[in-house]
Amino acid sequence: MTDITGRVALVTGANRGLGAAFVAALLERGATKVYAAARRPETVTSDDPRVVPLALDVTDTDSIRRAAEVASDVTILVNNAGIAVNESLVTGDLDEIHREFDTNFWGPVLVTRAFAPVLEANGGGAIVNMHSALSWLAFGSYSATKAALWSASNSSRVELAPAGIQVVGVHVGYVDTEMAADATGVKVPPRQVADEALDTVQEGGAEAIVGEVAQQVKSHLHEDVRVLYPQLAR
């Protein structure tokens, strides 16, 4: 359980969409400062004095190190930055698949490695990792990156608990942002995702399952894989 009032937070990919929603939600819940991290910090447009634009490329270890040195007062970390390339793992462009893993998997892992000592030194806190309903539903390389992050979150949750660091994984279907602009189907508002994720942080939970799609996918996890993929039932 992590109270947000009086906390200092950092959100990756904070210049738009879901990242911007996390920044706003953290401030409304009493965070005293939010580092809005982005590859191009000049794209962070908030005029709230509590928002501090911060240069951070989650695929660049030097950039991550510098961010951890600057933001040494952080106690809540939101690993939100991500991309959707979604190549075939069998025939797709390997360079694009590597780029997707570098951002969606290695990015949060490396940022967590850099900031876990910061959170521990500041008395503990919380890390929020953006998974996806596709962590559980196979859909190309994007699903693979999110499934890997889900596993990494589970491992780091156990490892970091003795240091007083809570790890929350967030699973959601399509979010109504630029990334899902061409997607059809139900889209969850970004603010709903941020609010339910932060509710889980404050309640001491481990996972936020946001929206009907993510809830339905999770409800089928106990079933034979052939139920989800009829083409396998031969």
Foldseek 3Di string as FASTA:
>chain_A
DFQLAQFEEEEEPLLDFLNVLLVVVSVVSHHQAYADEYCDQVSRDDPPPRYHDAHADLLDLVRLLVRCVVPLRHQEYELDDAADPFAAPVDGDVVVLVVRLSRLASSVVSNCVSCLVSNLVNQHHEYEHEAELLLQPDRGSNSVSRVNNVVVLVVVQVVSVVSRYHYEYEYYYAAPTPRCPPPDDDHHHSNQSSVQRVVCRVVRHHYRQDDDVSVVSVVCNVDDVCVVPVVVVD
